[in-house]
Amino acid sequence: MNIKPIRNDDDLRATFTRLEAIFQAPEGSIEADEMEVLVTLVEAYENRHYPVGPADPIEAIKFRMEQQGLVAKDLEPYIGSSGRVSDVLNRRRSLSLRMVKRLHEGLKIPYESLFSQVG
């Protein structure tokens, strides 16, 4: 096992190539240990060079709507009147704490996805 830091995107590509080769390694094997270390290195490199910002609550709501085949009217029990739903989906109104709680409980949207823009 010859492991070195990932310093640039070329190193990252080489690491992915190696990960593909050992992906199905049996648990407890040297290759499985290597895979675990390489995954940790990849995560550290990507977090440093390609950080992911906080989730966008409106996109989270729209994603859940698409997943469940919902339309704006279906959000009224969680957000309020059709005008309020429209304002939220079109970013003219922020989510309130009550809306976040209802969306989380009713549609199982994670709190983390809803909290970044609570007004």
PDB file of N, CA and C in Angstrom:
ATOM      1  N   MET A   1       0.866  -1.176   0.000  1.00  0.00           N
ATOM      2  CA  MET A   1       0.000   0.000   0.000  1.00  0.00           C
ATOM      3  C   MET A   1       0.905   1.229   0.000  1.00  0.00           C
ATOM      4  N   ASN A   2       0.809   2.021  -1.045  1.00  0.00           N
ATOM      5  CA  ASN A   2       1.615   3.231  -1.174  1.00  0.00           C
ATOM      6  C   ASN A   2       0.666   4.423  -1.247  1.00  0.00           C
ATOM      7  N   ILE A   3       0.367   5.013  -0.104  1.00  0.00           N
ATOM      8  CA  ILE A   3      -0.603   6.101  -0.036  1.00  0.00           C
ATOM      9  C   ILE A   3       0.130   7.420   0.149  1.00  0.00           C
ATOM     10  N   LYS A   4      -0.318   8.428  -0.609  1.00  0.00           N
ATOM     11  CA  LYS A   4       0.266   9.760  -0.500  1.00  0.00           C
ATOM     12  C   LYS A   4      -0.859  10.787  -0.518  1.00  0.00           C
ATOM     13  N   PRO A   5      -0.583  12.001  -0.092  1.00  0.00           N
ATOM     14  CA  PRO A   5      -1.619  13.040  -0.078  1.00  0.00           C
ATOM     15  C   PRO A   5      -2.145  13.335  -1.483  1.00  0.00           C
ATOM     16  N   ILE A   6      -3.364  13.812  -1.528  1.00  0.00           N
ATOM     17  CA  ILE A   6      -3.951  14.283  -2.787  1.00  0.00           C
ATOM     18  C   ILE A   6      -3.695  15.783  -2.817  1.00  0.00           C
ATOM     19  N   ARG A   7      -2.854  16.215  -3.738  1.00  0.00           N
ATOM     20  CA  ARG A   7      -2.454  17.627  -3.793  1.00  0.00           C
ATOM     21  C   ARG A   7      -3.102  18.401  -4.926  1.00  0.00           C
ATOM     22  N   ASN A   8      -3.600  17.698  -5.938  1.00  0.00           N
ATOM     23  CA  ASN A   8      -4.193  18.383  -7.090  1.00  0.00           C
ATOM     24  C   ASN A   8      -5.190  17.448  -7.777  1.00  0.00           C
ATOM     25  N   ASP A   9      -5.832  17.953  -8.819  1.00  0.00           N
ATOM     26  CA  ASP A   9      -6.864  17.161  -9.494  1.00  0.00           C
ATOM     27  C   ASP A   9      -6.299  15.940 -10.217  1.00  0.00           C
ATOM     28  N   ASP A  10      -5.040  15.998 -10.630  1.00  0.00           N
ATOM     29  CA  ASP A  10      -4.414  14.815 -11.233  1.00  0.00           C
ATOM     30  C   ASP A  10      -4.275  13.705 -10.190  1.00  0.00           C
ATOM     31  N   ASP A  11      -3.844  14.079  -8.995  1.00  0.00           N
ATOM     32  CA  ASP A  11      -3.769  13.097  -7.906  1.00  0.00           C
ATOM     33  C   ASP A  11      -5.156  12.544  -7.589  1.00  0.00           C
ATOM     34  N   LEU A  12      -6.143  13.414  -7.629  1.00  0.00           N
ATOM     35  CA  LEU A  12      -7.511  12.987  -7.351  1.00  0.00           C
ATOM     36  C   LEU A  12      -7.971  11.950  -8.376  1.00  0.00           C
ATOM     37  N   ARG A  13      -7.727  12.215  -9.664  1.00  0.00           N
ATOM     38  CA  ARG A  13      -8.108  11.264 -10.707  1.00  0.00           C
ATOM     39  C   ARG A  13      -7.390   9.930 -10.520  1.00  0.00           C
ATOM     40  N   ALA A  14      -6.116   9.976 -10.183  1.00  0.00           N
ATOM     41  CA  ALA A  14      -5.358   8.742  -9.959  1.00  0.00           C
ATOM     42  C   ALA A  14      -5.930   7.964  -8.769  1.00  0.00           C
ATOM     43  N   THR A  15      -6.345   8.682  -7.744  1.00  0.00           N
ATOM     44  CA  THR A  15      -6.945   8.033  -6.572  1.00  0.00           C
ATOM     45  C   THR A  15      -8.257   7.374  -6.947  1.00  0.00           C
ATOM     46  N   PHE A  16      -9.074   8.054  -7.750  1.00  0.00           N
ATOM     47  CA  PHE A  16     -10.339   7.449  -8.202  1.00  0.00           C
ATOM     48  C   PHE A  16     -10.082   6.189  -9.024  1.00  0.00           C
ATOM     49  N   THR A  17      -9.052   6.218  -9.845  1.00  0.00           N
ATOM     50  CA  THR A  17      -8.703   5.036 -10.632  1.00  0.00           C
ATOM     51  C   THR A  17      -8.360   3.867  -9.711  1.00  0.00           C
ATOM     52  N   ARG A  18      -7.568   4.156  -8.686  1.00  0.00           N
ATOM     53  CA  ARG A  18      -7.209   3.109  -7.733  1.00  0.00           C
ATOM     54  C   ARG A  18      -8.436   2.630  -6.964  1.00  0.00           C
ATOM     55  N   LEU A  19      -9.305   3.552  -6.579  1.00  0.00           N
ATOM     56  CA  LEU A  19     -10.521   3.159  -5.859  1.00  0.00           C
ATOM     57  C   LEU A  19     -11.388   2.232  -6.705  1.00  0.00           C
ATOM     58  N   GLU A  20     -11.491   2.513  -7.993  1.00  0.00           N
ATOM     59  CA  GLU A  20     -12.260   1.635  -8.876  1.00  0.00           C
ATOM     60  C   GLU A  20     -11.686   0.230  -8.887  1.00  0.00           C
ATOM     61  N   ALA A  21     -10.370   0.113  -8.815  1.00  0.00           N
ATOM     62  CA  ALA A  21      -9.720  -1.193  -8.870  1.00  0.00           C
ATOM     63  C   ALA A  21      -9.949  -2.005  -7.590  1.00  0.00           C
ATOM     64  N   ILE A  22     -10.109  -1.324  -6.456  1.00  0.00           N
ATOM     65  CA  ILE A  22     -10.238  -2.042  -5.181  1.00  0.00           C
ATOM     66  C   ILE A  22     -11.630  -1.910  -4.561  1.00  0.00           C
ATOM     67  N   PHE A  23     -12.580  -1.406  -5.320  1.00  0.00           N
ATOM     68  CA  PHE A  23     -13.914  -1.107  -4.797  1.00  0.00           C
ATOM     69  C   PHE A  23     -14.600  -2.326  -4.187  1.00  0.00           C
ATOM     70  N   GLN A  24     -14.445  -3.490  -4.764  1.00  0.00           N
ATOM     71  CA  GLN A  24     -15.123  -4.697  -4.287  1.00  0.00           C
ATOM     72  C   GLN A  24     -14.255  -5.515  -3.326  1.00  0.00           C
ATOM     73  N   ALA A  25     -13.251  -4.905  -2.748  1.00  0.00           N
ATOM     74  CA  ALA A  25     -12.343  -5.626  -1.851  1.00  0.00           C
ATOM     75  C   ALA A  25     -13.101  -6.212  -0.655  1.00  0.00           C
ATOM     76  N   PRO A  26     -12.753  -7.441  -0.289  1.00  0.00           N
ATOM     77  CA  PRO A  26     -13.419  -8.062   0.867  1.00  0.00           C
ATOM     78  C   PRO A  26     -13.096  -7.309   2.156  1.00  0.00           C
ATOM     79  N   GLU A  27     -14.092  -7.195   3.014  1.00  0.00           N
ATOM     80  CA  GLU A  27     -13.914  -6.504   4.287  1.00  0.00           C
ATOM     81  C   GLU A  27     -12.785  -7.162   5.080  1.00  0.00           C
ATOM     82  N   GLY A  28     -11.951  -6.327   5.676  1.00  0.00           N
ATOM     83  CA  GLY A  28     -10.837  -6.826   6.469  1.00  0.00           C
ATOM     84  C   GLY A  28      -9.563  -7.059   5.675  1.00  0.00           C
ATOM     85  N   SER A  29      -9.642  -6.924   4.357  1.00  0.00           N
ATOM     86  CA  SER A  29      -8.460  -7.128   3.532  1.00  0.00           C
ATOM     87  C   SER A  29      -7.598  -5.862   3.507  1.00  0.00           C
ATOM     88  N   ILE A  30      -6.361  -6.006   3.055  1.00  0.00           N
ATOM     89  CA  ILE A  30      -5.461  -4.861   2.921  1.00  0.00           C
ATOM     90  C   ILE A  30      -6.055  -3.843   1.950  1.00  0.00           C
ATOM     91  N   GLU A  31      -6.674  -4.335   0.862  1.00  0.00           N
ATOM     92  CA  GLU A  31      -7.285  -3.436  -0.124  1.00  0.00           C
ATOM     93  C   GLU A  31      -8.470  -2.678   0.473  1.00  0.00           C
ATOM     94  N   ALA A  32      -9.247  -3.339   1.330  1.00  0.00           N
ATOM     95  CA  ALA A  32     -10.377  -2.660   1.978  1.00  0.00           C
ATOM     96  C   ALA A  32      -9.872  -1.548   2.894  1.00  0.00           C
ATOM     97  N   ASP A  33      -8.779  -1.830   3.613  1.00  0.00           N
ATOM     98  CA  ASP A  33      -8.180  -0.791   4.465  1.00  0.00           C
ATOM     99  C   ASP A  33      -7.673   0.371   3.612  1.00  0.00           C
ATOM    100  N   GLU A  34      -7.047   0.036   2.499  1.00  0.00           N
ATOM    101  CA  GLU A  34      -6.544   1.062   1.588  1.00  0.00           C
ATOM    102  C   GLU A  34      -7.707   1.909   1.063  1.00  0.00           C
ATOM    103  N   MET A  35      -8.795   1.247   0.690  1.00  0.00           N
ATOM    104  CA  MET A  35      -9.959   1.961   0.172  1.00  0.00           C
ATOM    105  C   MET A  35     -10.487   2.951   1.214  1.00  0.00           C
ATOM    106  N   GLU A  36     -10.566   2.526   2.461  1.00  0.00           N
ATOM    107  CA  GLU A  36     -11.061   3.397   3.526  1.00  0.00           C
ATOM    108  C   GLU A  36     -10.179   4.637   3.681  1.00  0.00           C
ATOM    109  N   VAL A  37      -8.878   4.447   3.635  1.00  0.00           N
ATOM    110  CA  VAL A  37      -7.947   5.575   3.754  1.00  0.00           C
ATOM    111  C   VAL A  37      -8.074   6.499   2.543  1.00  0.00           C
ATOM    112  N   LEU A  38      -8.159   5.918   1.354  1.00  0.00           N
ATOM    113  CA  LEU A  38      -8.275   6.733   0.139  1.00  0.00           C
ATOM    114  C   LEU A  38      -9.566   7.541   0.122  1.00  0.00           C
ATOM    115  N   VAL A  39     -10.655   6.946   0.563  1.00  0.00           N
ATOM    116  CA  VAL A  39     -11.939   7.670   0.612  1.00  0.00           C
ATOM    117  C   VAL A  39     -11.815   8.863   1.563  1.00  0.00           C
ATOM    118  N   THR A  40     -11.153   8.672   2.683  1.00  0.00           N
ATOM    119  CA  THR A  40     -10.951   9.771   3.631  1.00  0.00           C
ATOM    120  C   THR A  40     -10.127  10.893   2.994  1.00  0.00           C
ATOM    121  N   LEU A  41      -9.087  10.520   2.259  1.00  0.00           N
ATOM    122  CA  LEU A  41      -8.268  11.522   1.574  1.00  0.00           C
ATOM    123  C   LEU A  41      -9.074  12.272   0.510  1.00  0.00           C
ATOM    124  N   VAL A  42      -9.885  11.556  -0.252  1.00  0.00           N
ATOM    125  CA  VAL A  42     -10.719  12.188  -1.279  1.00  0.00           C
ATOM    126  C   VAL A  42     -11.691  13.169  -0.638  1.00  0.00           C
ATOM    127  N   GLU A  43     -12.357  12.749   0.442  1.00  0.00           N
ATOM    128  CA  GLU A  43     -13.308  13.638   1.126  1.00  0.00           C
ATOM    129  C   GLU A  43     -12.607  14.901   1.626  1.00  0.00           C
ATOM    130  N   ALA A  44     -11.431  14.747   2.205  1.00  0.00           N
ATOM    131  CA  ALA A  44     -10.699  15.912   2.716  1.00  0.00           C
ATOM    132  C   ALA A  44     -10.327  16.851   1.571  1.00  0.00           C
ATOM    133  N   TYR A  45      -9.845  16.303   0.469  1.00  0.00           N
ATOM    134  CA  TYR A  45      -9.463  17.135  -0.682  1.00  0.00           C
ATOM    135  C   TYR A  45     -10.689  17.850  -1.256  1.00  0.00           C
ATOM    136  N   GLU A  46     -11.777  17.107  -1.448  1.00  0.00           N
ATOM    137  CA  GLU A  46     -12.982  17.720  -2.032  1.00  0.00           C
ATOM    138  C   GLU A  46     -13.583  18.765  -1.106  1.00  0.00           C
ATOM    139  N   ASN A  47     -13.587  18.516   0.186  1.00  0.00           N
ATOM    140  CA  ASN A  47     -14.120  19.512   1.127  1.00  0.00           C
ATOM    141  C   ASN A  47     -13.298  20.793   1.112  1.00  0.00           C
ATOM    142  N   ARG A  48     -12.009  20.659   0.925  1.00  0.00           N
ATOM    143  CA  ARG A  48     -11.131  21.824   0.904  1.00  0.00           C
ATOM    144  C   ARG A  48     -11.212  22.577  -0.422  1.00  0.00           C
ATOM    145  N   HIS A  49     -11.278  21.858  -1.532  1.00  0.00           N
ATOM    146  CA  HIS A  49     -11.216  22.491  -2.851  1.00  0.00           C
ATOM    147  C   HIS A  49     -12.568  22.655  -3.554  1.00  0.00           C
ATOM    148  N   TYR A  50     -13.550  21.900  -3.138  1.00  0.00           N
ATOM    149  CA  TYR A  50     -14.884  21.959  -3.760  1.00  0.00           C
ATOM    150  C   TYR A  50     -15.962  21.944  -2.680  1.00  0.00           C
ATOM    151  N   PRO A  51     -15.959  22.939  -1.794  1.00  0.00           N
ATOM    152  CA  PRO A  51     -16.935  22.923  -0.695  1.00  0.00           C
ATOM    153  C   PRO A  51     -18.371  23.042  -1.213  1.00  0.00           C
ATOM    154  N   VAL A  52     -19.251  22.362  -0.521  1.00  0.00           N
ATOM    155  CA  VAL A  52     -20.675  22.423  -0.842  1.00  0.00           C
ATOM    156  C   VAL A  52     -21.320  23.369   0.147  1.00  0.00           C
ATOM    157  N   GLY A  53     -22.003  24.370  -0.373  1.00  0.00           N
ATOM    158  CA  GLY A  53     -22.671  25.341   0.492  1.00  0.00           C
ATOM    159  C   GLY A  53     -23.919  24.748   1.128  1.00  0.00           C
ATOM    160  N   PRO A  54     -24.553  25.520   1.969  1.00  0.00           N
ATOM    161  CA  PRO A  54     -25.766  25.023   2.617  1.00  0.00           C
ATOM    162  C   PRO A  54     -26.858  24.745   1.588  1.00  0.00           C
ATOM    163  N   ALA A  55     -27.694  23.809   1.927  1.00  0.00           N
ATOM    164  CA  ALA A  55     -28.798  23.441   1.042  1.00  0.00           C
ATOM    165  C   ALA A  55     -29.724  24.634   0.848  1.00  0.00           C
ATOM    166  N   ASP A  56     -30.310  24.723  -0.316  1.00  0.00           N
ATOM    167  CA  ASP A  56     -31.288  25.761  -0.598  1.00  0.00           C
ATOM    168  C   ASP A  56     -32.669  25.220  -0.231  1.00  0.00           C
ATOM    169  N   PRO A  57     -33.353  25.853   0.726  1.00  0.00           N
ATOM    170  CA  PRO A  57     -34.631  25.306   1.195  1.00  0.00           C
ATOM    171  C   PRO A  57     -35.690  25.203   0.097  1.00  0.00           C
ATOM    172  N   ILE A  58     -35.739  26.168  -0.799  1.00  0.00           N
ATOM    173  CA  ILE A  58     -36.754  26.123  -1.860  1.00  0.00           C
ATOM    174  C   ILE A  58     -36.467  24.968  -2.812  1.00  0.00           C
ATOM    175  N   GLU A  59     -35.203  24.760  -3.125  1.00  0.00           N
ATOM    176  CA  GLU A  59     -34.847  23.619  -3.975  1.00  0.00           C
ATOM    177  C   GLU A  59     -35.158  22.304  -3.270  1.00  0.00           C
ATOM    178  N   ALA A  60     -34.971  22.252  -1.955  1.00  0.00           N
ATOM    179  CA  ALA A  60     -35.306  21.047  -1.190  1.00  0.00           C
ATOM    180  C   ALA A  60     -36.805  20.769  -1.261  1.00  0.00           C
ATOM    181  N   ILE A  61     -37.601  21.822  -1.147  1.00  0.00           N
ATOM    182  CA  ILE A  61     -39.059  21.661  -1.235  1.00  0.00           C
ATOM    183  C   ILE A  61     -39.448  21.205  -2.636  1.00  0.00           C
ATOM    184  N   LYS A  62     -38.896  21.835  -3.657  1.00  0.00           N
ATOM    185  CA  LYS A  62     -39.223  21.467  -5.036  1.00  0.00           C
ATOM    186  C   LYS A  62     -38.782  20.037  -5.347  1.00  0.00           C
ATOM    187  N   PHE A  63     -37.652  19.636  -4.806  1.00  0.00           N
ATOM    188  CA  PHE A  63     -37.171  18.269  -4.999  1.00  0.00           C
ATOM    189  C   PHE A  63     -38.156  17.276  -4.389  1.00  0.00           C
ATOM    190  N   ARG A  64     -38.624  17.571  -3.163  1.00  0.00           N
ATOM    191  CA  ARG A  64     -39.585  16.678  -2.520  1.00  0.00           C
ATOM    192  C   ARG A  64     -40.905  16.658  -3.283  1.00  0.00           C
ATOM    193  N   MET A  65     -41.317  17.803  -3.817  1.00  0.00           N
ATOM    194  CA  MET A  65     -42.541  17.859  -4.619  1.00  0.00           C
ATOM    195  C   MET A  65     -42.408  16.942  -5.832  1.00  0.00           C
ATOM    196  N   GLU A  66     -41.259  17.018  -6.485  1.00  0.00           N
ATOM    197  CA  GLU A  66     -41.020  16.181  -7.665  1.00  0.00           C
ATOM    198  C   GLU A  66     -41.007  14.700  -7.284  1.00  0.00           C
ATOM    199  N   GLN A  67     -40.349  14.380  -6.177  1.00  0.00           N
ATOM    200  CA  GLN A  67     -40.263  12.992  -5.720  1.00  0.00           C
ATOM    201  C   GLN A  67     -41.649  12.396  -5.468  1.00  0.00           C
ATOM    202  N   GLN A  68     -42.519  13.206  -4.871  1.00  0.00           N
ATOM    203  CA  GLN A  68     -43.821  12.698  -4.452  1.00  0.00           C
ATOM    204  C   GLN A  68     -44.953  13.075  -5.411  1.00  0.00           C
ATOM    205  N   GLY A  69     -44.617  13.710  -6.512  1.00  0.00           N
ATOM    206  CA  GLY A  69     -45.642  14.102  -7.475  1.00  0.00           C
ATOM    207  C   GLY A  69     -46.617  15.128  -6.930  1.00  0.00           C
ATOM    208  N   LEU A  70     -46.115  16.053  -6.132  1.00  0.00           N
ATOM    209  CA  LEU A  70     -46.960  17.075  -5.513  1.00  0.00           C
ATOM    210  C   LEU A  70     -47.019  18.325  -6.376  1.00  0.00           C
ATOM    211  N   VAL A  71     -48.081  19.077  -6.197  1.00  0.00           N
ATOM    212  CA  VAL A  71     -48.227  20.388  -6.839  1.00  0.00           C
ATOM    213  C   VAL A  71     -48.305  21.430  -5.729  1.00  0.00           C
ATOM    214  N   ALA A  72     -48.235  22.687  -6.115  1.00  0.00           N
ATOM    215  CA  ALA A  72     -48.208  23.774  -5.129  1.00  0.00           C
ATOM    216  C   ALA A  72     -49.375  23.680  -4.144  1.00  0.00           C
ATOM    217  N   LYS A  73     -50.538  23.328  -4.624  1.00  0.00           N
ATOM    218  CA  LYS A  73     -51.719  23.232  -3.749  1.00  0.00           C
ATOM    219  C   LYS A  73     -51.495  22.234  -2.608  1.00  0.00           C
ATOM    220  N   ASP A  74     -50.708  21.201  -2.863  1.00  0.00           N
ATOM    221  CA  ASP A  74     -50.432  20.195  -1.839  1.00  0.00           C
ATOM    222  C   ASP A  74     -49.603  20.748  -0.688  1.00  0.00           C
ATOM    223  N   LEU A  75     -48.977  21.896  -0.878  1.00  0.00           N
ATOM    224  CA  LEU A  75     -48.154  22.496   0.167  1.00  0.00           C
ATOM    225  C   LEU A  75     -48.949  23.392   1.122  1.00  0.00           C
ATOM    226  N   GLU A  76     -50.189  23.679   0.777  1.00  0.00           N
ATOM    227  CA  GLU A  76     -50.989  24.587   1.607  1.00  0.00           C
ATOM    228  C   GLU A  76     -51.099  24.157   3.067  1.00  0.00           C
ATOM    229  N   PRO A  77     -51.251  22.865   3.387  1.00  0.00           N
ATOM    230  CA  PRO A  77     -51.319  22.492   4.808  1.00  0.00           C
ATOM    231  C   PRO A  77     -50.031  22.804   5.577  1.00  0.00           C
ATOM    232  N   TYR A  78     -48.938  22.927   4.874  1.00  0.00           N
ATOM    233  CA  TYR A  78     -47.649  23.142   5.521  1.00  0.00           C
ATOM    234  C   TYR A  78     -47.208  24.600   5.515  1.00  0.00           C
ATOM    235  N   ILE A  79     -47.618  25.334   4.481  1.00  0.00           N
ATOM    236  CA  ILE A  79     -47.142  26.712   4.303  1.00  0.00           C
ATOM    237  C   ILE A  79     -48.246  27.739   4.510  1.00  0.00           C
ATOM    238  N   GLY A  80     -49.457  27.430   4.082  1.00  0.00           N
ATOM    239  CA  GLY A  80     -50.557  28.373   4.220  1.00  0.00           C
ATOM    240  C   GLY A  80     -51.318  28.520   2.910  1.00  0.00           C
ATOM    241  N   SER A  81     -51.908  29.663   2.708  1.00  0.00           N
ATOM    242  CA  SER A  81     -52.742  29.913   1.535  1.00  0.00           C
ATOM    243  C   SER A  81     -51.967  29.728   0.236  1.00  0.00           C
ATOM    244  N   SER A  82     -52.716  29.634  -0.858  1.00  0.00           N
ATOM    245  CA  SER A  82     -52.068  29.450  -2.166  1.00  0.00           C
ATOM    246  C   SER A  82     -51.147  30.631  -2.489  1.00  0.00           C
ATOM    247  N   GLY A  83     -51.539  31.835  -2.083  1.00  0.00           N
ATOM    248  CA  GLY A  83     -50.693  33.005  -2.305  1.00  0.00           C
ATOM    249  C   GLY A  83     -49.397  32.914  -1.527  1.00  0.00           C
ATOM    250  N   ARG A  84     -49.473  32.428  -0.297  1.00  0.00           N
ATOM    251  CA  ARG A  84     -48.272  32.276   0.526  1.00  0.00           C
ATOM    252  C   ARG A  84     -47.359  31.194  -0.059  1.00  0.00           C
ATOM    253  N   VAL A  85     -47.947  30.081  -0.510  1.00  0.00           N
ATOM    254  CA  VAL A  85     -47.159  29.018  -1.147  1.00  0.00           C
ATOM    255  C   VAL A  85     -46.436  29.579  -2.367  1.00  0.00           C
ATOM    256  N   SER A  86     -47.162  30.341  -3.184  1.00  0.00           N
ATOM    257  CA  SER A  86     -46.568  30.944  -4.366  1.00  0.00           C
ATOM    258  C   SER A  86     -45.423  31.882  -3.996  1.00  0.00           C
ATOM    259  N   ASP A  87     -45.644  32.703  -2.985  1.00  0.00           N
ATOM    260  CA  ASP A  87     -44.597  33.636  -2.545  1.00  0.00           C
ATOM    261  C   ASP A  87     -43.350  32.895  -2.069  1.00  0.00           C
ATOM    262  N   VAL A  88     -43.528  31.807  -1.325  1.00  0.00           N
ATOM    263  CA  VAL A  88     -42.386  31.028  -0.838  1.00  0.00           C
ATOM    264  C   VAL A  88     -41.659  30.384  -2.007  1.00  0.00           C
ATOM    265  N   LEU A  89     -42.388  29.706  -2.893  1.00  0.00           N
ATOM    266  CA  LEU A  89     -41.755  28.999  -4.010  1.00  0.00           C
ATOM    267  C   LEU A  89     -41.066  29.960  -4.988  1.00  0.00           C
ATOM    268  N   ASN A  90     -41.550  31.201  -5.055  1.00  0.00           N
ATOM    269  CA  ASN A  90     -40.936  32.201  -5.930  1.00  0.00           C
ATOM    270  C   ASN A  90     -39.975  33.128  -5.184  1.00  0.00           C
ATOM    271  N   ARG A  91     -39.653  32.738  -3.956  1.00  0.00           N
ATOM    272  CA  ARG A  91     -38.652  33.429  -3.137  1.00  0.00           C
ATOM    273  C   ARG A  91     -39.011  34.870  -2.770  1.00  0.00           C
ATOM    274  N   ARG A  92     -40.284  35.166  -2.732  1.00  0.00           N
ATOM    275  CA  ARG A  92     -40.723  36.496  -2.305  1.00  0.00           C
ATOM    276  C   ARG A  92     -40.992  36.530  -0.805  1.00  0.00           C
ATOM    277  N   ARG A  93     -41.045  35.348  -0.187  1.00  0.00           N
ATOM    278  CA  ARG A  93     -41.296  35.236   1.247  1.00  0.00           C
ATOM    279  C   ARG A  93     -40.397  34.134   1.795  1.00  0.00           C
ATOM    280  N   SER A  94     -39.814  34.381   2.952  1.00  0.00           N
ATOM    281  CA  SER A  94     -38.974  33.375   3.612  1.00  0.00           C
ATOM    282  C   SER A  94     -39.852  32.378   4.362  1.00  0.00           C
ATOM    283  N   LEU A  95     -39.287  31.234   4.623  1.00  0.00           N
ATOM    284  CA  LEU A  95     -39.975  30.248   5.448  1.00  0.00           C
ATOM    285  C   LEU A  95     -39.968  30.709   6.899  1.00  0.00           C
ATOM    286  N   SER A  96     -41.078  30.517   7.580  1.00  0.00           N
ATOM    287  CA  SER A  96     -41.130  30.791   9.017  1.00  0.00           C
ATOM    288  C   SER A  96     -40.764  29.503   9.757  1.00  0.00           C
ATOM    289  N   LEU A  97     -40.511  29.621  11.036  1.00  0.00           N
ATOM    290  CA  LEU A  97     -40.220  28.430  11.830  1.00  0.00           C
ATOM    291  C   LEU A  97     -41.388  27.457  11.818  1.00  0.00           C
ATOM    292  N   ARG A  98     -42.599  27.978  11.837  1.00  0.00           N
ATOM    293  CA  ARG A  98     -43.786  27.118  11.797  1.00  0.00           C
ATOM    294  C   ARG A  98     -43.852  26.342  10.476  1.00  0.00           C
ATOM    295  N   MET A  99     -43.554  27.016   9.365  1.00  0.00           N
ATOM    296  CA  MET A  99     -43.548  26.347   8.063  1.00  0.00           C
ATOM    297  C   MET A  99     -42.489  25.250   8.031  1.00  0.00           C
ATOM    298  N   VAL A 100     -41.293  25.562   8.541  1.00  0.00           N
ATOM    299  CA  VAL A 100     -40.204  24.582   8.560  1.00  0.00           C
ATOM    300  C   VAL A 100     -40.630  23.347   9.341  1.00  0.00           C
ATOM    301  N   LYS A 101     -41.204  23.559  10.503  1.00  0.00           N
ATOM    302  CA  LYS A 101     -41.646  22.435  11.346  1.00  0.00           C
ATOM    303  C   LYS A 101     -42.694  21.600  10.621  1.00  0.00           C
ATOM    304  N   ARG A 102     -43.649  22.249  10.005  1.00  0.00           N
ATOM    305  CA  ARG A 102     -44.709  21.515   9.292  1.00  0.00           C
ATOM    306  C   ARG A 102     -44.162  20.764   8.079  1.00  0.00           C
ATOM    307  N   LEU A 103     -43.269  21.393   7.327  1.00  0.00           N
ATOM    308  CA  LEU A 103     -42.673  20.730   6.156  1.00  0.00           C
ATOM    309  C   LEU A 103     -41.831  19.532   6.584  1.00  0.00           C
ATOM    310  N   HIS A 104     -41.124  19.683   7.685  1.00  0.00           N
ATOM    311  CA  HIS A 104     -40.315  18.575   8.189  1.00  0.00           C
ATOM    312  C   HIS A 104     -41.208  17.418   8.637  1.00  0.00           C
ATOM    313  N   GLU A 105     -42.198  17.729   9.428  1.00  0.00           N
ATOM    314  CA  GLU A 105     -43.067  16.677   9.961  1.00  0.00           C
ATOM    315  C   GLU A 105     -43.951  16.057   8.888  1.00  0.00           C
ATOM    316  N   GLY A 106     -44.478  16.887   7.999  1.00  0.00           N
ATOM    317  CA  GLY A 106     -45.425  16.384   7.010  1.00  0.00           C
ATOM    318  C   GLY A 106     -44.799  15.761   5.779  1.00  0.00           C
ATOM    319  N   LEU A 107     -43.713  16.365   5.300  1.00  0.00           N
ATOM    320  CA  LEU A 107     -43.093  15.882   4.059  1.00  0.00           C
ATOM    321  C   LEU A 107     -41.729  15.240   4.304  1.00  0.00           C
ATOM    322  N   LYS A 108     -41.322  15.199   5.580  1.00  0.00           N
ATOM    323  CA  LYS A 108     -40.039  14.577   5.959  1.00  0.00           C
ATOM    324  C   LYS A 108     -38.839  15.219   5.267  1.00  0.00           C
ATOM    325  N   ILE A 109     -38.902  16.533   5.057  1.00  0.00           N
ATOM    326  CA  ILE A 109     -37.757  17.271   4.524  1.00  0.00           C
ATOM    327  C   ILE A 109     -36.841  17.556   5.713  1.00  0.00           C
ATOM    328  N   PRO A 110     -35.564  17.203   5.624  1.00  0.00           N
ATOM    329  CA  PRO A 110     -34.665  17.407   6.763  1.00  0.00           C
ATOM    330  C   PRO A 110     -34.599  18.880   7.193  1.00  0.00           C
ATOM    331  N   TYR A 111     -34.532  19.076   8.493  1.00  0.00           N
ATOM    332  CA  TYR A 111     -34.408  20.430   9.012  1.00  0.00           C
ATOM    333  C   TYR A 111     -33.220  21.147   8.402  1.00  0.00           C
ATOM    334  N   GLU A 112     -32.098  20.440   8.249  1.00  0.00           N
ATOM    335  CA  GLU A 112     -30.884  21.056   7.722  1.00  0.00           C
ATOM    336  C   GLU A 112     -31.118  21.666   6.340  1.00  0.00           C
ATOM    337  N   SER A 113     -32.009  21.059   5.573  1.00  0.00           N
ATOM    338  CA  SER A 113     -32.289  21.548   4.220  1.00  0.00           C
ATOM    339  C   SER A 113     -33.210  22.761   4.252  1.00  0.00           C
ATOM    340  N   LEU A 114     -33.924  22.947   5.324  1.00  0.00           N
ATOM    341  CA  LEU A 114     -34.919  24.022   5.393  1.00  0.00           C
ATOM    342  C   LEU A 114     -34.457  25.251   6.175  1.00  0.00           C
ATOM    343  N   PHE A 115     -33.443  25.124   7.003  1.00  0.00           N
ATOM    344  CA  PHE A 115     -33.096  26.191   7.924  1.00  0.00           C
ATOM    345  C   PHE A 115     -32.212  27.292   7.401  1.00  0.00           C
ATOM    346  N   SER A 116     -31.597  27.161   6.255  1.00  0.00           N
ATOM    347  CA  SER A 116     -30.607  28.153   5.848  1.00  0.00           C
ATOM    348  C   SER A 116     -31.195  29.538   5.571  1.00  0.00           C
ATOM    349  N   GLN A 117     -32.490  29.648   5.348  1.00  0.00           N
ATOM    350  CA  GLN A 117     -33.069  30.967   5.032  1.00  0.00           C
ATOM    351  C   GLN A 117     -34.327  31.253   5.832  1.00  0.00           C
ATOM    352  N   VAL A 118     -34.399  30.788   7.050  1.00  0.00           N
ATOM    353  CA  VAL A 118     -35.602  31.025   7.859  1.00  0.00           C
ATOM    354  C   VAL A 118     -35.683  32.497   8.225  1.00  0.00           C
ATOM    355  N   GLY A 119     -36.860  33.060   8.041  1.00  0.00           N
ATOM    356  CA  GLY A 119     -37.040  34.477   8.342  1.00  0.00           C
ATOM    357  C   GLY A 119     -37.731  34.716   9.639  1.00  0.00           C
TER     358      GLY A 119
END
